[in-house]
């Protein structure tokens, strides 16, 4: 079974790195991507992904608000946040560590 992943990231180099990394793993698939919170709010919640990789530093809004929306609209999904952004914004105290990532919405 393939794990569907939705990426919310405004840095094109990170997006390309994730795409190439996922292409090398047949059990993972990128089901969509957004580079702005506006488009992520419209498409990500409807994507039904198993995993959402979220950049908190989006240019058009607070990533924290997006995490709340995704958590409510996809209660079974994992939300993973870039570790460097978590440390800068102090989010690590609110979320428990998940395997190979800093954050998981299951602790919320």
PDB file of N, CA and C in Angstrom:
ATOM      1  N   UNK A   1       0.827  -1.183   0.000  1.00  0.00           N
ATOM      2  CA  UNK A   1       0.000   0.000   0.000  1.00  0.00           C
ATOM      3  C   UNK A   1       0.879   1.257   0.000  1.00  0.00           C
ATOM      4  N   UNK A   2       0.538   2.208  -0.828  1.00  0.00           N
ATOM      5  CA  UNK A   2       1.305   3.444  -0.922  1.00  0.00           C
ATOM      6  C   UNK A   2       0.797   4.468   0.084  1.00  0.00           C
ATOM      7  N   UNK A   3       1.718   5.206   0.675  1.00  0.00           N
ATOM      8  CA  UNK A   3       1.373   6.275   1.602  1.00  0.00           C
ATOM      9  C   UNK A   3       1.308   7.581   0.828  1.00  0.00           C
ATOM     10  N   UNK A   4       0.165   8.253   0.886  1.00  0.00           N
ATOM     11  CA  UNK A   4       0.009   9.515   0.169  1.00  0.00           C
ATOM     12  C   UNK A   4       0.481  10.676   1.041  1.00  0.00           C
ATOM     13  N   UNK A   5       1.245  11.560   0.424  1.00  0.00           N
ATOM     14  CA  UNK A   5       1.855  12.687   1.124  1.00  0.00           C
ATOM     15  C   UNK A   5       1.487  13.976   0.398  1.00  0.00           C
ATOM     16  N   UNK A   6       1.085  14.990   1.160  1.00  0.00           N
ATOM     17  CA  UNK A   6       0.789  16.318   0.615  1.00  0.00           C
ATOM     18  C   UNK A   6       1.803  17.281   1.199  1.00  0.00           C
ATOM     19  N   UNK A   7       2.479  18.050   0.345  1.00  0.00           N
ATOM     20  CA  UNK A   7       3.527  18.966   0.770  1.00  0.00           C
ATOM     21  C   UNK A   7       3.037  20.406   0.712  1.00  0.00           C
ATOM     22  N   UNK A   8       3.258  21.139   1.801  1.00  0.00           N
ATOM     23  CA  UNK A   8       2.937  22.562   1.854  1.00  0.00           C
ATOM     24  C   UNK A   8       4.254  23.280   2.126  1.00  0.00           C
ATOM     25  N   UNK A   9       4.818  23.858   1.065  1.00  0.00           N
ATOM     26  CA  UNK A   9       6.186  24.396   1.120  1.00  0.00           C
ATOM     27  C   UNK A   9       6.344  25.457   0.039  1.00  0.00           C
ATOM     28  N   UNK A  10       6.892  26.622   0.415  1.00  0.00           N
ATOM     29  CA  UNK A  10       7.062  27.684  -0.567  1.00  0.00           C
ATOM     30  C   UNK A  10       8.461  27.732  -1.184  1.00  0.00           C
ATOM     31  N   UNK A  11       9.385  26.937  -0.715  1.00  0.00           N
ATOM     32  CA  UNK A  11      10.753  26.905  -1.256  1.00  0.00           C
ATOM     33  C   UNK A  11      10.822  25.854  -2.370  1.00  0.00           C
ATOM     34  N   UNK A  12      11.054  26.299  -3.599  1.00  0.00           N
ATOM     35  CA  UNK A  12      11.051  25.378  -4.743  1.00  0.00           C
ATOM     36  C   UNK A  12      12.141  24.324  -4.655  1.00  0.00           C
ATOM     37  N   UNK A  13      13.278  24.644  -4.052  1.00  0.00           N
ATOM     38  CA  UNK A  13      14.350  23.645  -3.935  1.00  0.00           C
ATOM     39  C   UNK A  13      13.950  22.531  -2.963  1.00  0.00           C
ATOM     40  N   UNK A  14      13.247  22.877  -1.887  1.00  0.00           N
ATOM     41  CA  UNK A  14      12.761  21.861  -0.951  1.00  0.00           C
ATOM     42  C   UNK A  14      11.707  21.000  -1.632  1.00  0.00           C
ATOM     43  N   UNK A  15      10.817  21.620  -2.372  1.00  0.00           N
ATOM     44  CA  UNK A  15       9.781  20.881  -3.093  1.00  0.00           C
ATOM     45  C   UNK A  15      10.411  19.873  -4.063  1.00  0.00           C
ATOM     46  N   UNK A  16      11.400  20.296  -4.805  1.00  0.00           N
ATOM     47  CA  UNK A  16      12.062  19.380  -5.748  1.00  0.00           C
ATOM     48  C   UNK A  16      12.800  18.263  -5.020  1.00  0.00           C
ATOM     49  N   UNK A  17      13.429  18.587  -3.884  1.00  0.00           N
ATOM     50  CA  UNK A  17      14.105  17.552  -3.096  1.00  0.00           C
ATOM     51  C   UNK A  17      13.103  16.505  -2.614  1.00  0.00           C
ATOM     52  N   UNK A  18      11.968  16.956  -2.107  1.00  0.00           N
ATOM     53  CA  UNK A  18      10.944  16.020  -1.617  1.00  0.00           C
ATOM     54  C   UNK A  18      10.413  15.182  -2.779  1.00  0.00           C
ATOM     55  N   UNK A  19      10.138  15.815  -3.911  1.00  0.00           N
ATOM     56  CA  UNK A  19       9.642  15.066  -5.079  1.00  0.00           C
ATOM     57  C   UNK A  19      10.624  13.983  -5.503  1.00  0.00           C
ATOM     58  N   UNK A  20      11.898  14.312  -5.583  1.00  0.00           N
ATOM     59  CA  UNK A  20      12.884  13.310  -5.998  1.00  0.00           C
ATOM     60  C   UNK A  20      13.060  12.227  -4.937  1.00  0.00           C
ATOM     61  N   UNK A  21      12.958  12.603  -3.675  1.00  0.00           N
ATOM     62  CA  UNK A  21      13.067  11.610  -2.603  1.00  0.00           C
ATOM     63  C   UNK A  21      11.892  10.638  -2.645  1.00  0.00           C
ATOM     64  N   UNK A  22      10.700  11.161  -2.870  1.00  0.00           N
ATOM     65  CA  UNK A  22       9.517  10.305  -2.934  1.00  0.00           C
ATOM     66  C   UNK A  22       9.547   9.409  -4.168  1.00  0.00           C
ATOM     67  N   UNK A  23      10.076   9.904  -5.268  1.00  0.00           N
ATOM     68  CA  UNK A  23      10.156   9.106  -6.492  1.00  0.00           C
ATOM     69  C   UNK A  23      11.043   7.878  -6.298  1.00  0.00           C
ATOM     70  N   UNK A  24      12.000   7.982  -5.389  1.00  0.00           N
ATOM     71  CA  UNK A  24      12.913   6.868  -5.126  1.00  0.00           C
ATOM     72  C   UNK A  24      12.303   5.820  -4.195  1.00  0.00           C
ATOM     73  N   UNK A  25      11.154   6.111  -3.625  1.00  0.00           N
ATOM     74  CA  UNK A  25      10.495   5.201  -2.686  1.00  0.00           C
ATOM     75  C   UNK A  25       9.132   4.814  -3.240  1.00  0.00           C
ATOM     76  N   UNK A  26       8.983   3.635  -3.791  1.00  0.00           N
ATOM     77  CA  UNK A  26       7.706   3.257  -4.410  1.00  0.00           C
ATOM     78  C   UNK A  26       6.533   3.177  -3.434  1.00  0.00           C
ATOM     79  N   UNK A  27       6.796   3.084  -2.145  1.00  0.00           N
ATOM     80  CA  UNK A  27       5.700   3.004  -1.171  1.00  0.00           C
ATOM     81  C   UNK A  27       5.136   4.384  -0.797  1.00  0.00           C
ATOM     82  N   UNK A  28       5.756   5.454  -1.280  1.00  0.00           N
ATOM     83  CA  UNK A  28       5.294   6.814  -1.006  1.00  0.00           C
ATOM     84  C   UNK A  28       4.879   7.484  -2.303  1.00  0.00           C
ATOM     85  N   UNK A  29       3.871   8.341  -2.232  1.00  0.00           N
ATOM     86  CA  UNK A  29       3.459   9.106  -3.401  1.00  0.00           C
ATOM     87  C   UNK A  29       3.076  10.524  -2.991  1.00  0.00           C
ATOM     88  N   UNK A  30       3.495  11.490  -3.783  1.00  0.00           N
ATOM     89  CA  UNK A  30       3.132  12.879  -3.543  1.00  0.00           C
ATOM     90  C   UNK A  30       1.782  13.115  -4.210  1.00  0.00           C
ATOM     91  N   UNK A  31       0.740  13.299  -3.414  1.00  0.00           N
ATOM     92  CA  UNK A  31      -0.612  13.448  -3.969  1.00  0.00           C
ATOM     93  C   UNK A  31      -0.963  14.903  -4.244  1.00  0.00           C
ATOM     94  N   UNK A  32      -0.099  15.836  -3.824  1.00  0.00           N
ATOM     95  CA  UNK A  32      -0.337  17.244  -4.102  1.00  0.00           C
ATOM     96  C   UNK A  32       0.640  18.130  -3.364  1.00  0.00           C
ATOM     97  N   UNK A  33       0.670  19.389  -3.773  1.00  0.00           N
ATOM     98  CA  UNK A  33       1.569  20.356  -3.139  1.00  0.00           C
ATOM     99  C   UNK A  33       0.982  21.755  -3.270  1.00  0.00           C
ATOM    100  N   UNK A  34       1.265  22.576  -2.281  1.00  0.00           N
ATOM    101  CA  UNK A  34       0.855  23.982  -2.289  1.00  0.00           C
ATOM    102  C   UNK A  34       2.040  24.817  -1.839  1.00  0.00           C
ATOM    103  N   UNK A  35       2.168  26.001  -2.415  1.00  0.00           N
ATOM    104  CA  UNK A  35       3.257  26.879  -1.993  1.00  0.00           C
ATOM    105  C   UNK A  35       2.755  28.104  -1.230  1.00  0.00           C
ATOM    106  N   UNK A  36       1.454  28.175  -1.024  1.00  0.00           N
ATOM    107  CA  UNK A  36       0.847  29.267  -0.280  1.00  0.00           C
ATOM    108  C   UNK A  36      -0.250  28.704   0.627  1.00  0.00           C
ATOM    109  N   UNK A  37      -0.502  29.400   1.729  1.00  0.00           N
ATOM    110  CA  UNK A  37      -1.551  28.949   2.636  1.00  0.00           C
ATOM    111  C   UNK A  37      -2.924  29.011   1.963  1.00  0.00           C
ATOM    112  N   UNK A  38      -3.135  30.013   1.117  1.00  0.00           N
ATOM    113  CA  UNK A  38      -4.412  30.151   0.433  1.00  0.00           C
ATOM    114  C   UNK A  38      -4.747  28.891  -0.363  1.00  0.00           C
ATOM    115  N   UNK A  39      -3.817  28.411  -1.168  1.00  0.00           N
ATOM    116  CA  UNK A  39      -4.085  27.208  -1.967  1.00  0.00           C
ATOM    117  C   UNK A  39      -4.099  25.962  -1.092  1.00  0.00           C
ATOM    118  N   UNK A  40      -3.290  25.941  -0.051  1.00  0.00           N
ATOM    119  CA  UNK A  40      -3.283  24.785   0.855  1.00  0.00           C
ATOM    120  C   UNK A  40      -4.632  24.637   1.548  1.00  0.00           C
ATOM    121  N   UNK A  41      -5.225  25.737   1.956  1.00  0.00           N
ATOM    122  CA  UNK A  41      -6.541  25.682   2.604  1.00  0.00           C
ATOM    123  C   UNK A  41      -7.597  25.128   1.645  1.00  0.00           C
ATOM    124  N   UNK A  42      -7.472  25.452   0.376  1.00  0.00           N
ATOM    125  CA  UNK A  42      -8.454  25.007  -0.599  1.00  0.00           C
ATOM    126  C   UNK A  42      -8.279  23.543  -0.991  1.00  0.00           C
ATOM    127  N   UNK A  43      -7.028  23.103  -1.168  1.00  0.00           N
ATOM    128  CA  UNK A  43      -6.778  21.773  -1.723  1.00  0.00           C
ATOM    129  C   UNK A  43      -6.284  20.729  -0.726  1.00  0.00           C
ATOM    130  N   UNK A  44      -5.453  21.115   0.214  1.00  0.00           N
ATOM    131  CA  UNK A  44      -4.818  20.127   1.091  1.00  0.00           C
ATOM    132  C   UNK A  44      -5.829  19.368   1.937  1.00  0.00           C
ATOM    133  N   UNK A  45      -6.770  20.084   2.519  1.00  0.00           N
ATOM    134  CA  UNK A  45      -7.751  19.425   3.384  1.00  0.00           C
ATOM    135  C   UNK A  45      -8.602  18.421   2.608  1.00  0.00           C
ATOM    136  N   UNK A  46      -8.820  18.677   1.311  1.00  0.00           N
ATOM    137  CA  UNK A  46      -9.617  17.780   0.476  1.00  0.00           C
ATOM    138  C   UNK A  46      -8.806  16.615  -0.080  1.00  0.00           C
ATOM    139  N   UNK A  47      -7.502  16.690   0.009  1.00  0.00           N
ATOM    140  CA  UNK A  47      -6.637  15.680  -0.609  1.00  0.00           C
ATOM    141  C   UNK A  47      -6.740  14.320   0.070  1.00  0.00           C
ATOM    142  N   UNK A  48      -7.066  14.316   1.351  1.00  0.00           N
ATOM    143  CA  UNK A  48      -7.178  13.055   2.069  1.00  0.00           C
ATOM    144  C   UNK A  48      -5.862  12.312   2.194  1.00  0.00           C
ATOM    145  N   UNK A  49      -4.776  13.045   2.299  1.00  0.00           N
ATOM    146  CA  UNK A  49      -3.451  12.431   2.420  1.00  0.00           C
ATOM    147  C   UNK A  49      -3.289  11.768   3.781  1.00  0.00           C
ATOM    148  N   UNK A  50      -2.401  10.787   3.843  1.00  0.00           N
ATOM    149  CA  UNK A  50      -2.075  10.138   5.112  1.00  0.00           C
ATOM    150  C   UNK A  50      -1.093  10.988   5.907  1.00  0.00           C
ATOM    151  N   UNK A  51      -0.274  11.770   5.176  1.00  0.00           N
ATOM    152  CA  UNK A  51       0.764  12.593   5.801  1.00  0.00           C
ATOM    153  C   UNK A  51       0.769  13.967   5.135  1.00  0.00           C
ATOM    154  N   UNK A  52       0.866  14.996   5.957  1.00  0.00           N
ATOM    155  CA  UNK A  52       1.019  16.364   5.459  1.00  0.00           C
ATOM    156  C   UNK A  52       2.355  16.891   5.970  1.00  0.00           C
ATOM    157  N   UNK A  53       3.225  17.327   5.054  1.00  0.00           N
ATOM    158  CA  UNK A  53       4.486  17.968   5.416  1.00  0.00           C
ATOM    159  C   UNK A  53       4.245  19.466   5.323  1.00  0.00           C
ATOM    160  N   UNK A  54       4.371  20.166   6.446  1.00  0.00           N
ATOM    161  CA  UNK A  54       3.948  21.566   6.519  1.00  0.00           C
ATOM    162  C   UNK A  54       5.118  22.486   6.863  1.00  0.00           C
ATOM    163  N   UNK A  55       5.264  23.525   6.057  1.00  0.00           N
ATOM    164  CA  UNK A  55       6.199  24.613   6.333  1.00  0.00           C
ATOM    165  C   UNK A  55       5.430  25.669   7.113  1.00  0.00           C
ATOM    166  N   UNK A  56       5.857  25.995   8.305  1.00  0.00           N
ATOM    167  CA  UNK A  56       5.161  27.000   9.112  1.00  0.00           C
ATOM    168  C   UNK A  56       5.396  28.413   8.600  1.00  0.00           C
ATOM    169  N   UNK A  57       6.458  28.617   7.841  1.00  0.00           N
ATOM    170  CA  UNK A  57       6.826  29.957   7.384  1.00  0.00           C
ATOM    171  C   UNK A  57       6.318  30.286   6.000  1.00  0.00           C
ATOM    172  N   UNK A  58       5.036  30.160   5.775  1.00  0.00           N
ATOM    173  CA  UNK A  58       4.463  30.485   4.468  1.00  0.00           C
ATOM    174  C   UNK A  58       4.326  32.003   4.330  1.00  0.00           C
ATOM    175  N   UNK A  59       4.474  32.519   3.113  1.00  0.00           N
ATOM    176  CA  UNK A  59       4.475  33.973   2.933  1.00  0.00           C
ATOM    177  C   UNK A  59       3.114  34.646   3.123  1.00  0.00           C
ATOM    178  N   UNK A  60       2.024  33.893   3.093  1.00  0.00           N
ATOM    179  CA  UNK A  60       0.708  34.525   3.149  1.00  0.00           C
ATOM    180  C   UNK A  60      -0.128  34.113   4.364  1.00  0.00           C
ATOM    181  N   UNK A  61       0.516  33.626   5.400  1.00  0.00           N
ATOM    182  CA  UNK A  61      -0.264  33.287   6.587  1.00  0.00           C
ATOM    183  C   UNK A  61       0.515  32.462   7.584  1.00  0.00           C
ATOM    184  N   UNK A  62      -0.106  32.226   8.712  1.00  0.00           N
ATOM    185  CA  UNK A  62       0.512  31.460   9.797  1.00  0.00           C
ATOM    186  C   UNK A  62       0.308  29.963   9.561  1.00  0.00           C
ATOM    187  N   UNK A  63       1.405  29.234   9.529  1.00  0.00           N
ATOM    188  CA  UNK A  63       1.331  27.792   9.365  1.00  0.00           C
ATOM    189  C   UNK A  63       0.597  27.111  10.506  1.00  0.00           C
ATOM    190  N   UNK A  64       0.621  27.723  11.684  1.00  0.00           N
ATOM    191  CA  UNK A  64      -0.069  27.161  12.837  1.00  0.00           C
ATOM    192  C   UNK A  64      -1.573  27.055  12.577  1.00  0.00           C
ATOM    193  N   UNK A  65      -2.137  28.065  11.918  1.00  0.00           N
ATOM    194  CA  UNK A  65      -3.565  28.035  11.585  1.00  0.00           C
ATOM    195  C   UNK A  65      -3.872  26.900  10.618  1.00  0.00           C
ATOM    196  N   UNK A  66      -2.974  26.684   9.692  1.00  0.00           N
ATOM    197  CA  UNK A  66      -3.147  25.606   8.720  1.00  0.00           C
ATOM    198  C   UNK A  66      -3.086  24.239   9.411  1.00  0.00           C
ATOM    199  N   UNK A  67      -2.206  24.087  10.378  1.00  0.00           N
ATOM    200  CA  UNK A  67      -2.126  22.832  11.135  1.00  0.00           C
ATOM    201  C   UNK A  67      -3.461  22.539  11.825  1.00  0.00           C
ATOM    202  N   UNK A  68      -4.058  23.565  12.380  1.00  0.00           N
ATOM    203  CA  UNK A  68      -5.352  23.394  13.060  1.00  0.00           C
ATOM    204  C   UNK A  68      -6.420  22.926  12.074  1.00  0.00           C
ATOM    205  N   UNK A  69      -6.473  23.542  10.896  1.00  0.00           N
ATOM    206  CA  UNK A  69      -7.447  23.161   9.879  1.00  0.00           C
ATOM    207  C   UNK A  69      -7.237  21.715   9.428  1.00  0.00           C
ATOM    208  N   UNK A  70      -6.001  21.355   9.143  1.00  0.00           N
ATOM    209  CA  UNK A  70      -5.708  19.995   8.692  1.00  0.00           C
ATOM    210  C   UNK A  70      -6.024  18.971   9.773  1.00  0.00           C
ATOM    211  N   UNK A  71      -5.733  19.310  11.006  1.00  0.00           N
ATOM    212  CA  UNK A  71      -6.007  18.416  12.125  1.00  0.00           C
ATOM    213  C   UNK A  71      -7.506  18.143  12.254  1.00  0.00           C
ATOM    214  N   UNK A  72      -8.309  19.154  12.048  1.00  0.00           N
ATOM    215  CA  UNK A  72      -9.758  19.008  12.164  1.00  0.00           C
ATOM    216  C   UNK A  72     -10.365  18.306  10.958  1.00  0.00           C
ATOM    217  N   UNK A  73      -9.858  18.590   9.768  1.00  0.00           N
ATOM    218  CA  UNK A  73     -10.463  18.033   8.558  1.00  0.00           C
ATOM    219  C   UNK A  73      -9.964  16.626   8.232  1.00  0.00           C
ATOM    220  N   UNK A  74      -8.812  16.241   8.756  1.00  0.00           N
ATOM    221  CA  UNK A  74      -8.229  14.917   8.506  1.00  0.00           C
ATOM    222  C   UNK A  74      -7.720  14.326   9.810  1.00  0.00           C
ATOM    223  N   UNK A  75      -8.598  13.920  10.709  1.00  0.00           N
ATOM    224  CA  UNK A  75      -8.170  13.487  12.041  1.00  0.00           C
ATOM    225  C   UNK A  75      -7.249  12.272  12.055  1.00  0.00           C
ATOM    226  N   UNK A  76      -7.246  11.454  11.036  1.00  0.00           N
ATOM    227  CA  UNK A  76      -6.367  10.289  11.015  1.00  0.00           C
ATOM    228  C   UNK A  76      -5.006  10.540  10.398  1.00  0.00           C
ATOM    229  N   UNK A  77      -4.801  11.720   9.836  1.00  0.00           N
ATOM    230  CA  UNK A  77      -3.546  12.026   9.147  1.00  0.00           C
ATOM    231  C   UNK A  77      -2.459  12.472  10.123  1.00  0.00           C
ATOM    232  N   UNK A  78      -1.224  12.244   9.727  1.00  0.00           N
ATOM    233  CA  UNK A  78      -0.071  12.756  10.474  1.00  0.00           C
ATOM    234  C   UNK A  78       0.311  14.113   9.900  1.00  0.00           C
ATOM    235  N   UNK A  79       0.640  15.060  10.770  1.00  0.00           N
ATOM    236  CA  UNK A  79       1.125  16.370  10.359  1.00  0.00           C
ATOM    237  C   UNK A  79       2.582  16.466  10.770  1.00  0.00           C
ATOM    238  N   UNK A  80       3.453  16.654   9.802  1.00  0.00           N
ATOM    239  CA  UNK A  80       4.880  16.768  10.075  1.00  0.00           C
ATOM    240  C   UNK A  80       5.333  18.175   9.730  1.00  0.00           C
ATOM    241  N   UNK A  81       6.132  18.764  10.610  1.00  0.00           N
ATOM    242  CA  UNK A  81       6.568  20.142  10.470  1.00  0.00           C
ATOM    243  C   UNK A  81       8.084  20.176  10.383  1.00  0.00           C
ATOM    244  N   UNK A  82       8.597  21.087   9.557  1.00  0.00           N
ATOM    245  CA  UNK A  82      10.040  21.254   9.425  1.00  0.00           C
ATOM    246  C   UNK A  82      10.663  21.514  10.797  1.00  0.00           C
ATOM    247  N   UNK A  83      11.640  20.695  11.222  1.00  0.00           N
ATOM    248  CA  UNK A  83      12.242  20.857  12.556  1.00  0.00           C
ATOM    249  C   UNK A  83      12.844  22.228  12.803  1.00  0.00           C
ATOM    250  N   UNK A  84      13.480  22.843  11.816  1.00  0.00           N
ATOM    251  CA  UNK A  84      14.115  24.137  12.074  1.00  0.00           C
ATOM    252  C   UNK A  84      13.064  25.208  12.337  1.00  0.00           C
ATOM    253  N   UNK A  85      11.924  25.152  11.675  1.00  0.00           N
ATOM    254  CA  UNK A  85      10.875  26.135  11.922  1.00  0.00           C
ATOM    255  C   UNK A  85      10.188  25.890  13.252  1.00  0.00           C
ATOM    256  N   UNK A  86      10.071  24.647  13.650  1.00  0.00           N
ATOM    257  CA  UNK A  86       9.471  24.331  14.948  1.00  0.00           C
ATOM    258  C   UNK A  86      10.307  24.934  16.066  1.00  0.00           C
ATOM    259  N   UNK A  87      11.603  24.780  15.988  1.00  0.00           N
ATOM    260  CA  UNK A  87      12.474  25.280  17.045  1.00  0.00           C
ATOM    261  C   UNK A  87      12.441  26.804  17.101  1.00  0.00           C
ATOM    262  N   UNK A  88      12.394  27.476  15.958  1.00  0.00           N
ATOM    263  CA  UNK A  88      12.372  28.934  15.935  1.00  0.00           C
ATOM    264  C   UNK A  88      11.081  29.489  16.523  1.00  0.00           C
ATOM    265  N   UNK A  89       9.976  28.817  16.302  1.00  0.00           N
ATOM    266  CA  UNK A  89       8.682  29.329  16.738  1.00  0.00           C
ATOM    267  C   UNK A  89       8.224  28.755  18.076  1.00  0.00           C
ATOM    268  N   UNK A  90       8.958  27.811  18.639  1.00  0.00           N
ATOM    269  CA  UNK A  90       8.600  27.270  19.938  1.00  0.00           C
ATOM    270  C   UNK A  90       7.459  26.271  19.921  1.00  0.00           C
ATOM    271  N   UNK A  91       7.169  25.675  18.778  1.00  0.00           N
ATOM    272  CA  UNK A  91       6.065  24.731  18.696  1.00  0.00           C
ATOM    273  C   UNK A  91       6.368  23.383  19.322  1.00  0.00           C
ATOM    274  N   UNK A  92       7.638  23.053  19.486  1.00  0.00           N
ATOM    275  CA  UNK A  92       7.977  21.709  19.955  1.00  0.00           C
ATOM    276  C   UNK A  92       7.378  21.390  21.319  1.00  0.00           C
ATOM    277  N   UNK A  93       7.088  22.378  22.122  1.00  0.00           N
ATOM    278  CA  UNK A  93       6.502  22.119  23.437  1.00  0.00           C
ATOM    279  C   UNK A  93       5.041  21.674  23.340  1.00  0.00           C
ATOM    280  N   UNK A  94       4.388  21.940  22.207  1.00  0.00           N
ATOM    281  CA  UNK A  94       2.973  21.628  22.050  1.00  0.00           C
ATOM    282  C   UNK A  94       2.702  20.298  21.364  1.00  0.00           C
ATOM    283  N   UNK A  95       3.714  19.686  20.802  1.00  0.00           N
ATOM    284  CA  UNK A  95       3.526  18.476  20.000  1.00  0.00           C
ATOM    285  C   UNK A  95       4.513  17.414  20.449  1.00  0.00           C
ATOM    286  N   UNK A  96       4.141  16.154  20.346  1.00  0.00           N
ATOM    287  CA  UNK A  96       5.069  15.089  20.707  1.00  0.00           C
ATOM    288  C   UNK A  96       5.884  14.692  19.474  1.00  0.00           C
ATOM    289  N   UNK A  97       7.125  14.225  19.671  1.00  0.00           N
ATOM    290  CA  UNK A  97       7.935  13.787  18.541  1.00  0.00           C
ATOM    291  C   UNK A  97       7.329  12.553  17.869  1.00  0.00           C
ATOM    292  N   UNK A  98       7.376  12.536  16.556  1.00  0.00           N
ATOM    293  CA  UNK A  98       6.954  11.370  15.781  1.00  0.00           C
ATOM    294  C   UNK A  98       8.206  10.747  15.183  1.00  0.00           C
ATOM    295  N   UNK A  99       8.166   9.482  14.798  1.00  0.00           N
ATOM    296  CA  UNK A  99       9.355   8.861  14.202  1.00  0.00           C
ATOM    297  C   UNK A  99       9.849   9.645  12.996  1.00  0.00           C
ATOM    298  N   UNK A 100      11.118   9.941  12.970  1.00  0.00           N
ATOM    299  CA  UNK A 100      11.784  10.640  11.869  1.00  0.00           C
ATOM    300  C   UNK A 100      11.268  12.046  11.638  1.00  0.00           C
ATOM    301  N   UNK A 101      10.606  12.642  12.605  1.00  0.00           N
ATOM    302  CA  UNK A 101      10.105  14.000  12.469  1.00  0.00           C
ATOM    303  C   UNK A 101      10.010  14.649  13.846  1.00  0.00           C
ATOM    304  N   UNK A 102       9.751  15.927  13.855  1.00  0.00           N
ATOM    305  CA  UNK A 102       9.648  16.644  15.120  1.00  0.00           C
ATOM    306  C   UNK A 102       8.228  16.705  15.676  1.00  0.00           C
ATOM    307  N   UNK A 103       7.228  16.637  14.822  1.00  0.00           N
ATOM    308  CA  UNK A 103       5.880  16.931  15.288  1.00  0.00           C
ATOM    309  C   UNK A 103       4.858  15.938  14.789  1.00  0.00           C
ATOM    310  N   UNK A 104       3.827  15.780  15.571  1.00  0.00           N
ATOM    311  CA  UNK A 104       2.705  14.942  15.187  1.00  0.00           C
ATOM    312  C   UNK A 104       1.449  15.540  15.773  1.00  0.00           C
ATOM    313  N   UNK A 105       0.411  15.675  14.979  1.00  0.00           N
ATOM    314  CA  UNK A 105      -0.830  16.260  15.478  1.00  0.00           C
ATOM    315  C   UNK A 105      -1.563  15.328  16.421  1.00  0.00           C
ATOM    316  N   UNK A 106      -1.198  14.071  16.489  1.00  0.00           N
ATOM    317  CA  UNK A 106      -1.891  13.127  17.360  1.00  0.00           C
ATOM    318  C   UNK A 106      -1.756  13.514  18.832  1.00  0.00           C
ATOM    319  N   UNK A 107      -0.798  14.329  19.170  1.00  0.00           N
ATOM    320  CA  UNK A 107      -0.628  14.753  20.558  1.00  0.00           C
ATOM    321  C   UNK A 107      -1.476  15.968  20.887  1.00  0.00           C
ATOM    322  N   UNK A 108      -2.062  16.582  19.867  1.00  0.00           N
ATOM    323  CA  UNK A 108      -2.818  17.828  20.082  1.00  0.00           C
ATOM    324  C   UNK A 108      -4.106  17.567  20.836  1.00  0.00           C
TER     325      UNK A 108
END
